[in-house]
Amino acid sequence: MAVTTLKRKLRRKRQGQNTRVLRIKQLSAQPVIRNVDVEEIKKGFAEQK
């Protein structure tokens, strides 16, 4: 008995798997935490005025 591979269906299934993995990665990604000097930013605004 011959086995045929449904290439189009397999491609669609893989595409769904990849998008799900990417979505999970995007949801679990955390932004880079930086040390922000608030006083320096306030000085910058005061200088512009």
C-alpha atoms as a PDB file:
ATOM      1  CA  MET A   1       0.000   0.000   0.000  1.00  0.00           C
ATOM      2  CA  ALA A   2       1.459   3.342  -1.058  1.00  0.00           C
ATOM      3  CA  VAL A   3       1.628   6.284   1.300  1.00  0.00           C
ATOM      4  CA  THR A   4       1.127   9.752  -0.103  1.00  0.00           C
ATOM      5  CA  THR A   5       2.286  12.856   1.706  1.00  0.00           C
ATOM      6  CA  LEU A   6      -0.045  15.817   1.722  1.00  0.00           C
ATOM      7  CA  LYS A   7       2.576  18.503   1.231  1.00  0.00           C
ATOM      8  CA  ARG A   8       0.198  21.471   1.224  1.00  0.00           C
ATOM      9  CA  LYS A   9      -1.527  20.335   4.420  1.00  0.00           C
ATOM     10  CA  LEU A  10       1.837  19.669   6.062  1.00  0.00           C
ATOM     11  CA  ARG A  11       3.048  23.148   5.099  1.00  0.00           C
ATOM     12  CA  ARG A  12      -0.087  24.753   6.587  1.00  0.00           C
ATOM     13  CA  LYS A  13       0.291  22.710   9.775  1.00  0.00           C
ATOM     14  CA  ARG A  14       3.949  23.740  10.161  1.00  0.00           C
ATOM     15  CA  GLN A  15       3.027  27.368   9.537  1.00  0.00           C
ATOM     16  CA  GLY A  16       0.464  27.228  12.342  1.00  0.00           C
ATOM     17  CA  GLN A  17       2.997  25.625  14.675  1.00  0.00           C
ATOM     18  CA  ASN A  18       5.622  28.265  13.895  1.00  0.00           C
ATOM     19  CA  THR A  19       3.205  31.160  14.422  1.00  0.00           C
ATOM     20  CA  ARG A  20       2.114  29.688  17.754  1.00  0.00           C
ATOM     21  CA  VAL A  21       5.737  29.375  18.910  1.00  0.00           C
ATOM     22  CA  LEU A  22       6.481  32.955  17.815  1.00  0.00           C
ATOM     23  CA  ARG A  23       3.385  34.238  19.624  1.00  0.00           C
ATOM     24  CA  ILE A  24       4.438  32.474  22.828  1.00  0.00           C
ATOM     25  CA  LYS A  25       7.956  33.910  22.514  1.00  0.00           C
ATOM     26  CA  GLN A  26       6.568  37.426  22.029  1.00  0.00           C
ATOM     27  CA  LEU A  27       4.287  37.112  25.052  1.00  0.00           C
ATOM     28  CA  SER A  28       7.037  35.807  27.313  1.00  0.00           C
ATOM     29  CA  ALA A  29       9.671  38.289  26.122  1.00  0.00           C
ATOM     30  CA  GLN A  30      10.746  40.866  28.687  1.00  0.00           C
ATOM     31  CA  PRO A  31      12.079  44.302  27.770  1.00  0.00           C
ATOM     32  CA  VAL A  32      15.637  45.218  28.634  1.00  0.00           C
ATOM     33  CA  ILE A  33      15.747  46.897  32.035  1.00  0.00           C
ATOM     34  CA  ARG A  34      17.855  50.026  31.975  1.00  0.00           C
ATOM     35  CA  ASN A  35      19.000  52.282  34.762  1.00  0.00           C
ATOM     36  CA  VAL A  36      17.304  55.602  34.034  1.00  0.00           C
ATOM     37  CA  ASP A  37      18.482  58.776  35.734  1.00  0.00           C
ATOM     38  CA  VAL A  38      15.274  60.730  36.312  1.00  0.00           C
ATOM     39  CA  GLU A  39      17.045  63.851  37.549  1.00  0.00           C
ATOM     40  CA  GLU A  40      19.115  64.040  34.347  1.00  0.00           C
ATOM     41  CA  ILE A  41      15.940  63.892  32.243  1.00  0.00           C
ATOM     42  CA  LYS A  42      14.343  66.656  34.331  1.00  0.00           C
ATOM     43  CA  LYS A  43      17.431  68.835  33.780  1.00  0.00           C
ATOM     44  CA  GLY A  44      17.141  68.285  30.038  1.00  0.00           C
ATOM     45  CA  PHE A  45      13.555  69.550  30.036  1.00  0.00           C
ATOM     46  CA  ALA A  46      14.486  72.560  32.147  1.00  0.00           C
ATOM     47  CA  GLU A  47      17.248  73.483  29.675  1.00  0.00           C
ATOM     48  CA  GLN A  48      14.859  73.401  26.699  1.00  0.00           C
ATOM     49  CA  LYS A  49      12.534  75.985  28.306  1.00  0.00           C
END
